Structure formats: C-alpha cells, structure tokens
C-alpha cells in the first residue's frame, strides 16, 4: 500500500527530481526502484542525472526479473548507457560511483573492462563532503 501511495505521489505531482532518485537508490527497495524506473522510462526529456539513475535502475532491475534474456537486456542497456554518460562526463564522481558499485557486484563475465580501481581512486580523491550522497557513498564503498 505504501508503494502504491509513493507511485501515485510521483505520477500526480510530476515532480520526480534527482533528490527523489537518490533516496530511492539508497533504499534499494525493489518496488520503489521498479516504479521509479517506470517513471523515468516514460519521461521524454531526461536530464543527465535522471538518465544516470534510469541506467542504474535498469541494472538493478536485471536482478528482479526471472527471464535470463531480460536480465541480460536490462543489465546491458543500463550499463552501456551509464558508460556513455561517464565518457561524456568523466569528472562526475557520482556517476563513477554508480559504475563502481555495479561492477563490484556484477558477475565478472558481464563486464568487458573493469573500471573499479580507477573509479574508486577518482571518487575518493574528488567527491566533495558537501555532496548530498557523500556519507552514503563513503559508507557503501568501504563495505
């Protein structure tokens, strides 16, 4: 019921923003991830931040579906889009954090080229303590 209310709030307010995406990511809640992914997928013009979270949520959604083809399709779509975003925004520590976490937990055979070491070093050296995800990033990277 709470997830339905959350979805209705998103759909009726049309105020999905990056802060909400970050909060959904932090919860790692399957229903919230899926509903937020649906909203982002329906949105016509995504900001780069929204596209980043859509990509991350696609990778996460791969874990939730049962069909192996769909798992691979969701993962590849999200991961490839995220890499494109990072190639165009190489100095964004938050985007690189998401790639780091995906690569850290994905099966190694899914990743052609690992960026974990270079991304971790970059994030640790550049993320600002004022960044809204700073505490969460530091906590999850060190676990």
N, C-alpha and C. Protein backbone atom coordinates (compact mmCIF):
# COMPACT_ATOMS: atom_id res chain seq x y z
N UNK A 1 0.83 -1.19 0.00
CA UNK A 1 0.00 0.00 0.00
C UNK A 1 0.88 1.26 0.00
N UNK A 2 1.94 1.25 0.79
CA UNK A 2 2.83 2.41 0.85
C UNK A 2 3.48 2.65 -0.50
N UNK A 3 3.85 1.56 -1.19
CA UNK A 3 4.46 1.71 -2.52
C UNK A 3 3.47 2.29 -3.52
N UNK A 4 2.20 1.91 -3.42
CA UNK A 4 1.18 2.45 -4.30
C UNK A 4 1.02 3.95 -4.05
N UNK A 5 1.01 4.35 -2.81
CA UNK A 5 0.91 5.77 -2.47
C UNK A 5 2.12 6.52 -3.01
N UNK A 6 3.29 5.93 -2.88
CA UNK A 6 4.52 6.53 -3.38
C UNK A 6 4.44 6.71 -4.90
N UNK A 7 3.96 5.70 -5.60
CA UNK A 7 3.82 5.76 -7.05
C UNK A 7 2.81 6.83 -7.45
N UNK A 8 1.68 6.88 -6.77
CA UNK A 8 0.65 7.89 -7.07
C UNK A 8 1.21 9.29 -6.83
N UNK A 9 1.95 9.45 -5.76
CA UNK A 9 2.55 10.74 -5.47
C UNK A 9 3.47 11.18 -6.61
N UNK A 10 4.29 10.25 -7.10
CA UNK A 10 5.19 10.56 -8.21
C UNK A 10 4.41 10.92 -9.46
N UNK A 11 3.41 10.10 -9.78
CA UNK A 11 2.67 10.30 -11.02
C UNK A 11 1.84 11.58 -11.01
N UNK A 12 1.22 11.87 -9.89
CA UNK A 12 0.35 13.04 -9.84
C UNK A 12 1.13 14.35 -9.66
N UNK A 13 2.20 14.31 -8.95
CA UNK A 13 2.94 15.55 -8.72
C UNK A 13 3.83 15.91 -9.90
N UNK A 14 4.27 14.89 -10.65
CA UNK A 14 5.18 15.09 -11.78
C UNK A 14 6.43 15.87 -11.34
N UNK A 15 6.82 15.67 -10.10
CA UNK A 15 7.96 16.38 -9.56
C UNK A 15 9.14 15.46 -9.25
N UNK A 16 9.23 14.39 -10.02
CA UNK A 16 10.37 13.50 -9.82
C UNK A 16 11.65 14.30 -10.05
N UNK A 17 12.50 14.30 -9.06
CA UNK A 17 13.75 15.03 -9.21
C UNK A 17 14.91 14.15 -8.75
N UNK A 18 16.08 14.66 -8.90
CA UNK A 18 17.27 13.88 -8.60
C UNK A 18 17.34 13.49 -7.13
N UNK A 19 16.85 14.34 -6.24
CA UNK A 19 16.85 14.00 -4.81
C UNK A 19 15.99 12.77 -4.55
N UNK A 20 14.86 12.68 -5.21
CA UNK A 20 13.99 11.51 -5.05
C UNK A 20 14.67 10.25 -5.60
N UNK A 21 15.33 10.39 -6.74
CA UNK A 21 16.05 9.26 -7.31
C UNK A 21 17.14 8.77 -6.36
N UNK A 22 17.84 9.70 -5.76
CA UNK A 22 18.89 9.32 -4.80
C UNK A 22 18.31 8.59 -3.60
N UNK A 23 17.18 9.07 -3.11
CA UNK A 23 16.55 8.43 -1.96
C UNK A 23 16.09 7.01 -2.31
N UNK A 24 15.53 6.85 -3.49
CA UNK A 24 15.11 5.51 -3.92
C UNK A 24 16.33 4.60 -4.01
N UNK A 25 17.41 5.10 -4.58
CA UNK A 25 18.63 4.30 -4.69
C UNK A 25 19.13 3.88 -3.32
N UNK A 26 19.13 4.80 -2.39
CA UNK A 26 19.62 4.49 -1.04
C UNK A 26 18.81 3.39 -0.37
N UNK A 27 17.51 3.35 -0.64
CA UNK A 27 16.67 2.32 -0.01
C UNK A 27 16.92 0.94 -0.58
N UNK A 28 17.31 0.88 -1.85
CA UNK A 28 17.49 -0.40 -2.55
C UNK A 28 16.19 -1.22 -2.51
N UNK A 29 15.06 -0.54 -2.37
CA UNK A 29 13.76 -1.20 -2.29
C UNK A 29 13.28 -1.56 -3.70
N UNK A 30 13.05 -2.83 -3.92
CA UNK A 30 12.68 -3.35 -5.23
C UNK A 30 11.48 -2.61 -5.83
N UNK A 31 10.41 -2.47 -5.08
CA UNK A 31 9.19 -1.84 -5.61
C UNK A 31 9.43 -0.37 -5.96
N UNK A 32 10.16 0.31 -5.13
CA UNK A 32 10.44 1.72 -5.40
C UNK A 32 11.37 1.88 -6.59
N UNK A 33 12.34 0.99 -6.71
CA UNK A 33 13.24 1.03 -7.86
C UNK A 33 12.45 0.80 -9.15
N UNK A 34 11.60 -0.22 -9.16
CA UNK A 34 10.82 -0.53 -10.35
C UNK A 34 9.87 0.60 -10.71
N UNK A 35 9.19 1.18 -9.73
CA UNK A 35 8.25 2.26 -10.03
C UNK A 35 8.98 3.52 -10.50
N UNK A 36 10.13 3.81 -9.92
CA UNK A 36 10.89 4.97 -10.35
C UNK A 36 11.46 4.75 -11.75
N UNK A 37 11.90 3.54 -12.03
CA UNK A 37 12.37 3.20 -13.38
C UNK A 37 11.26 3.41 -14.40
N UNK A 38 10.05 2.99 -14.06
CA UNK A 38 8.91 3.17 -14.97
C UNK A 38 8.66 4.65 -15.24
N UNK A 39 8.73 5.46 -14.21
CA UNK A 39 8.51 6.90 -14.37
C UNK A 39 9.60 7.51 -15.25
N UNK A 40 10.84 7.15 -14.98
CA UNK A 40 11.94 7.68 -15.78
C UNK A 40 11.85 7.20 -17.23
N UNK A 41 11.42 5.98 -17.43
CA UNK A 41 11.30 5.42 -18.78
C UNK A 41 10.21 6.13 -19.58
N UNK A 42 9.17 6.60 -18.90
CA UNK A 42 8.07 7.29 -19.57
C UNK A 42 8.36 8.77 -19.82
N UNK A 43 9.33 9.29 -19.12
CA UNK A 43 9.65 10.71 -19.24
C UNK A 43 10.38 10.96 -20.56
N UNK A 44 9.99 12.01 -21.26
CA UNK A 44 10.55 12.26 -22.59
C UNK A 44 11.95 12.86 -22.57
N UNK A 45 12.16 13.89 -21.82
CA UNK A 45 13.46 14.57 -21.82
C UNK A 45 14.11 14.43 -20.45
N UNK A 46 15.04 13.51 -20.37
CA UNK A 46 15.73 13.28 -19.10
C UNK A 46 16.97 14.16 -19.00
N UNK A 47 17.22 14.66 -17.79
CA UNK A 47 18.49 15.32 -17.53
C UNK A 47 19.56 14.24 -17.49
N UNK A 48 20.79 14.63 -17.52
CA UNK A 48 21.88 13.65 -17.44
C UNK A 48 21.83 12.89 -16.11
N UNK A 49 21.50 13.58 -15.03
CA UNK A 49 21.38 12.92 -13.73
C UNK A 49 20.25 11.88 -13.76
N UNK A 50 19.12 12.26 -14.32
CA UNK A 50 17.99 11.31 -14.41
C UNK A 50 18.35 10.12 -15.29
N UNK A 51 19.05 10.38 -16.39
CA UNK A 51 19.46 9.28 -17.27
C UNK A 51 20.43 8.35 -16.54
N UNK A 52 21.29 8.92 -15.72
CA UNK A 52 22.20 8.11 -14.92
C UNK A 52 21.41 7.17 -14.01
N UNK A 53 20.44 7.72 -13.28
CA UNK A 53 19.66 6.88 -12.36
C UNK A 53 18.77 5.89 -13.11
N UNK A 54 18.26 6.28 -14.26
CA UNK A 54 17.50 5.32 -15.07
C UNK A 54 18.40 4.14 -15.43
N UNK A 55 19.64 4.43 -15.82
CA UNK A 55 20.59 3.38 -16.17
C UNK A 55 20.90 2.48 -14.98
N UNK A 56 21.10 3.10 -13.84
CA UNK A 56 21.39 2.33 -12.62
C UNK A 56 20.19 1.46 -12.25
N UNK A 57 18.99 2.02 -12.33
CA UNK A 57 17.79 1.25 -12.00
C UNK A 57 17.54 0.13 -13.01
N UNK A 58 17.95 0.31 -14.26
CA UNK A 58 17.85 -0.78 -15.23
C UNK A 58 18.77 -1.93 -14.82
N UNK A 59 19.98 -1.60 -14.41
CA UNK A 59 20.91 -2.63 -13.93
C UNK A 59 20.34 -3.35 -12.71
N UNK A 60 19.76 -2.59 -11.81
CA UNK A 60 19.17 -3.19 -10.62
C UNK A 60 17.97 -4.06 -10.99
N UNK A 61 17.20 -3.62 -11.96
CA UNK A 61 16.02 -4.37 -12.39
C UNK A 61 16.41 -5.73 -12.96
N UNK A 62 17.60 -5.83 -13.51
CA UNK A 62 18.08 -7.12 -14.03
C UNK A 62 18.08 -8.18 -12.94
N UNK A 63 18.28 -7.76 -11.72
CA UNK A 63 18.28 -8.69 -10.59
C UNK A 63 16.87 -9.18 -10.27
N UNK A 64 15.86 -8.38 -10.62
CA UNK A 64 14.49 -8.69 -10.21
C UNK A 64 13.72 -9.56 -11.21
N UNK A 65 14.11 -9.54 -12.47
CA UNK A 65 13.37 -10.31 -13.48
C UNK A 65 13.89 -11.74 -13.52
N UNK A 66 13.02 -12.65 -13.93
CA UNK A 66 13.39 -14.07 -13.94
C UNK A 66 13.96 -14.52 -15.28
N UNK A 67 13.47 -13.97 -16.36
CA UNK A 67 13.88 -14.38 -17.70
C UNK A 67 15.34 -14.00 -17.94
N UNK A 68 16.21 -14.97 -18.24
CA UNK A 68 17.63 -14.68 -18.43
C UNK A 68 17.89 -13.67 -19.55
N UNK A 69 17.12 -13.75 -20.62
CA UNK A 69 17.29 -12.80 -21.72
C UNK A 69 16.99 -11.38 -21.25
N UNK A 70 15.90 -11.22 -20.48
CA UNK A 70 15.54 -9.90 -19.98
C UNK A 70 16.57 -9.40 -18.97
N UNK A 71 17.09 -10.32 -18.14
CA UNK A 71 18.14 -9.93 -17.19
C UNK A 71 19.32 -9.31 -17.93
N UNK A 72 19.77 -10.01 -18.95
CA UNK A 72 20.93 -9.55 -19.72
C UNK A 72 20.60 -8.25 -20.47
N UNK A 73 19.41 -8.18 -21.01
CA UNK A 73 18.98 -7.00 -21.75
C UNK A 73 18.93 -5.76 -20.85
N UNK A 74 18.31 -5.89 -19.68
CA UNK A 74 18.26 -4.76 -18.74
C UNK A 74 19.66 -4.35 -18.31
N UNK A 75 20.47 -5.34 -17.95
CA UNK A 75 21.81 -5.01 -17.48
C UNK A 75 22.61 -4.31 -18.56
N UNK A 76 22.65 -4.89 -19.75
CA UNK A 76 23.44 -4.31 -20.83
C UNK A 76 22.97 -2.91 -21.20
N UNK A 77 21.66 -2.72 -21.26
CA UNK A 77 21.13 -1.40 -21.59
C UNK A 77 21.57 -0.37 -20.56
N UNK A 78 21.37 -0.68 -19.29
CA UNK A 78 21.74 0.26 -18.23
C UNK A 78 23.23 0.50 -18.16
N UNK A 79 23.99 -0.57 -18.21
CA UNK A 79 25.45 -0.46 -18.08
C UNK A 79 26.07 0.30 -19.25
N UNK A 80 25.62 -0.01 -20.47
CA UNK A 80 26.15 0.68 -21.64
C UNK A 80 25.79 2.17 -21.63
N UNK A 81 24.57 2.48 -21.24
CA UNK A 81 24.17 3.89 -21.16
C UNK A 81 24.99 4.61 -20.10
N UNK A 82 25.18 3.97 -18.95
CA UNK A 82 25.97 4.58 -17.88
C UNK A 82 27.40 4.85 -18.35
N UNK A 83 28.00 3.91 -19.06
CA UNK A 83 29.36 4.12 -19.57
C UNK A 83 29.40 5.29 -20.57
N UNK A 84 28.38 5.42 -21.39
CA UNK A 84 28.32 6.54 -22.33
C UNK A 84 28.24 7.86 -21.57
N UNK A 85 27.41 7.90 -20.54
CA UNK A 85 27.27 9.10 -19.71
C UNK A 85 28.61 9.46 -19.07
N UNK A 86 29.30 8.46 -18.56
CA UNK A 86 30.59 8.70 -17.91
C UNK A 86 31.63 9.17 -18.92
N UNK A 87 31.61 8.60 -20.11
CA UNK A 87 32.55 9.05 -21.15
C UNK A 87 32.33 10.53 -21.49
N UNK A 88 31.09 10.98 -21.40
CA UNK A 88 30.77 12.38 -21.71
C UNK A 88 30.90 13.29 -20.48
N UNK A 89 30.93 12.71 -19.29
CA UNK A 89 31.01 13.47 -18.03
C UNK A 89 32.02 12.80 -17.10
N UNK A 90 33.24 12.69 -17.57
CA UNK A 90 34.26 11.91 -16.89
C UNK A 90 34.61 12.41 -15.49
N UNK A 91 34.32 13.66 -15.21
CA UNK A 91 34.71 14.21 -13.90
C UNK A 91 33.57 14.15 -12.87
N UNK A 92 32.49 13.44 -13.17
CA UNK A 92 31.37 13.35 -12.24
C UNK A 92 31.56 12.13 -11.33
N UNK A 93 31.87 12.40 -10.08
CA UNK A 93 32.16 11.32 -9.12
C UNK A 93 30.92 10.47 -8.83
N UNK A 94 29.74 11.06 -8.82
CA UNK A 94 28.53 10.29 -8.53
C UNK A 94 28.26 9.26 -9.62
N UNK A 95 28.42 9.65 -10.88
CA UNK A 95 28.22 8.70 -11.98
C UNK A 95 29.24 7.56 -11.88
N UNK A 96 30.47 7.91 -11.58
CA UNK A 96 31.51 6.89 -11.48
C UNK A 96 31.30 5.99 -10.27
N UNK A 97 30.73 6.54 -9.22
CA UNK A 97 30.37 5.72 -8.05
C UNK A 97 29.38 4.63 -8.47
N UNK A 98 28.38 5.01 -9.23
CA UNK A 98 27.38 4.02 -9.65
C UNK A 98 28.00 2.93 -10.50
N UNK A 99 28.90 3.30 -11.41
CA UNK A 99 29.57 2.28 -12.22
C UNK A 99 30.43 1.39 -11.32
N UNK A 100 31.12 2.00 -10.37
CA UNK A 100 31.94 1.23 -9.44
C UNK A 100 31.10 0.18 -8.71
N UNK A 101 29.95 0.59 -8.18
CA UNK A 101 29.11 -0.34 -7.44
C UNK A 101 28.53 -1.43 -8.33
N UNK A 102 28.15 -1.08 -9.53
CA UNK A 102 27.63 -2.08 -10.47
C UNK A 102 28.71 -3.10 -10.79
N UNK A 103 29.90 -2.62 -11.11
CA UNK A 103 31.00 -3.53 -11.45
C UNK A 103 31.43 -4.37 -10.24
N UNK A 104 31.37 -3.79 -9.08
CA UNK A 104 31.77 -4.51 -7.86
C UNK A 104 30.88 -5.72 -7.60
N UNK A 105 29.58 -5.59 -7.89
CA UNK A 105 28.64 -6.66 -7.55
C UNK A 105 28.17 -7.48 -8.74
N UNK A 106 28.46 -7.06 -9.95
CA UNK A 106 28.03 -7.82 -11.14
C UNK A 106 28.98 -9.00 -11.36
N UNK A 107 28.46 -10.08 -11.94
CA UNK A 107 29.35 -11.19 -12.29
C UNK A 107 30.44 -10.69 -13.26
N UNK A 108 31.66 -11.13 -13.06
CA UNK A 108 32.79 -10.61 -13.85
C UNK A 108 32.62 -10.85 -15.35
N UNK A 109 31.92 -11.90 -15.73
CA UNK A 109 31.76 -12.19 -17.16
C UNK A 109 30.85 -11.17 -17.87
N UNK A 110 30.12 -10.36 -17.10
CA UNK A 110 29.27 -9.33 -17.70
C UNK A 110 30.06 -8.06 -18.04
N UNK A 111 31.21 -7.90 -17.43
CA UNK A 111 31.98 -6.66 -17.57
C UNK A 111 33.18 -6.90 -18.48
N UNK A 112 33.20 -6.19 -19.62
CA UNK A 112 34.31 -6.34 -20.56
C UNK A 112 35.60 -5.75 -20.00
N UNK A 113 35.49 -4.54 -19.48
CA UNK A 113 36.65 -3.84 -18.94
C UNK A 113 36.28 -3.27 -17.58
N UNK A 114 36.98 -3.70 -16.56
CA UNK A 114 36.70 -3.23 -15.22
C UNK A 114 37.31 -1.84 -14.99
N UNK A 115 36.49 -0.98 -14.41
CA UNK A 115 36.93 0.37 -14.07
C UNK A 115 37.02 0.54 -12.55
N UNK A 116 36.87 -0.54 -11.79
CA UNK A 116 36.72 -0.41 -10.34
C UNK A 116 37.88 0.30 -9.67
N UNK A 117 39.09 -0.06 -10.00
CA UNK A 117 40.24 0.55 -9.32
C UNK A 117 40.37 2.04 -9.63
N UNK A 118 40.26 2.37 -10.91
CA UNK A 118 40.40 3.77 -11.31
C UNK A 118 39.22 4.61 -10.81
N UNK A 119 38.01 4.03 -10.83
CA UNK A 119 36.84 4.76 -10.34
C UNK A 119 36.93 4.99 -8.84
N UNK A 120 37.31 3.97 -8.11
CA UNK A 120 37.41 4.12 -6.65
C UNK A 120 38.42 5.20 -6.28
N UNK A 121 39.57 5.17 -6.91
CA UNK A 121 40.60 6.18 -6.63
C UNK A 121 40.07 7.57 -6.98
N UNK A 122 39.42 7.71 -8.13
CA UNK A 122 38.88 9.00 -8.55
C UNK A 122 37.84 9.52 -7.56
N UNK A 123 36.93 8.64 -7.16
CA UNK A 123 35.86 9.04 -6.23
C UNK A 123 36.45 9.48 -4.90
N UNK A 124 37.34 8.69 -4.36
CA UNK A 124 37.93 9.00 -3.05
C UNK A 124 38.70 10.33 -3.09
N UNK A 125 39.28 10.65 -4.23
CA UNK A 125 40.07 11.88 -4.35
C UNK A 125 39.25 13.12 -4.70
N UNK A 126 38.05 12.93 -5.25
CA UNK A 126 37.35 14.11 -5.76
C UNK A 126 35.97 14.39 -5.16
N UNK A 127 35.35 13.42 -4.53
CA UNK A 127 33.98 13.66 -4.03
C UNK A 127 34.03 14.69 -2.90
N UNK A 128 33.16 15.65 -3.00
CA UNK A 128 33.09 16.73 -2.02
C UNK A 128 32.29 16.29 -0.80
N UNK A 129 32.73 16.71 0.36
CA UNK A 129 31.99 16.40 1.59
C UNK A 129 30.61 17.06 1.60
N UNK A 130 30.42 18.05 0.76
CA UNK A 130 29.13 18.72 0.65
C UNK A 130 28.18 18.01 -0.30
N UNK A 131 28.66 17.04 -1.03
CA UNK A 131 27.81 16.30 -1.97
C UNK A 131 26.69 15.62 -1.19
N UNK A 132 25.44 15.67 -1.68
CA UNK A 132 24.32 15.08 -0.93
C UNK A 132 24.44 13.57 -0.70
N UNK A 133 25.25 12.90 -1.49
CA UNK A 133 25.41 11.45 -1.32
C UNK A 133 26.74 11.10 -0.64
N UNK A 134 27.48 12.08 -0.19
CA UNK A 134 28.83 11.84 0.34
C UNK A 134 28.87 10.74 1.41
N UNK A 135 28.09 10.87 2.46
CA UNK A 135 28.12 9.88 3.55
C UNK A 135 27.74 8.49 3.06
N UNK A 136 26.72 8.44 2.27
CA UNK A 136 26.26 7.15 1.74
C UNK A 136 27.33 6.52 0.85
N UNK A 137 27.92 7.32 -0.01
CA UNK A 137 28.98 6.81 -0.91
C UNK A 137 30.16 6.29 -0.11
N UNK A 138 30.60 7.05 0.86
CA UNK A 138 31.75 6.62 1.66
C UNK A 138 31.44 5.33 2.42
N UNK A 139 30.25 5.26 2.97
CA UNK A 139 29.85 4.07 3.73
C UNK A 139 29.76 2.84 2.85
N UNK A 140 29.13 2.97 1.68
CA UNK A 140 28.94 1.79 0.82
C UNK A 140 30.20 1.38 0.08
N UNK A 141 31.08 2.32 -0.19
CA UNK A 141 32.33 1.96 -0.88
C UNK A 141 33.27 1.20 0.04
N UNK A 142 33.17 1.47 1.31
CA UNK A 142 34.09 0.84 2.25
C UNK A 142 33.54 -0.44 2.85
N UNK A 143 32.43 -0.91 2.36
CA UNK A 143 31.87 -2.18 2.86
C UNK A 143 32.18 -3.31 1.92
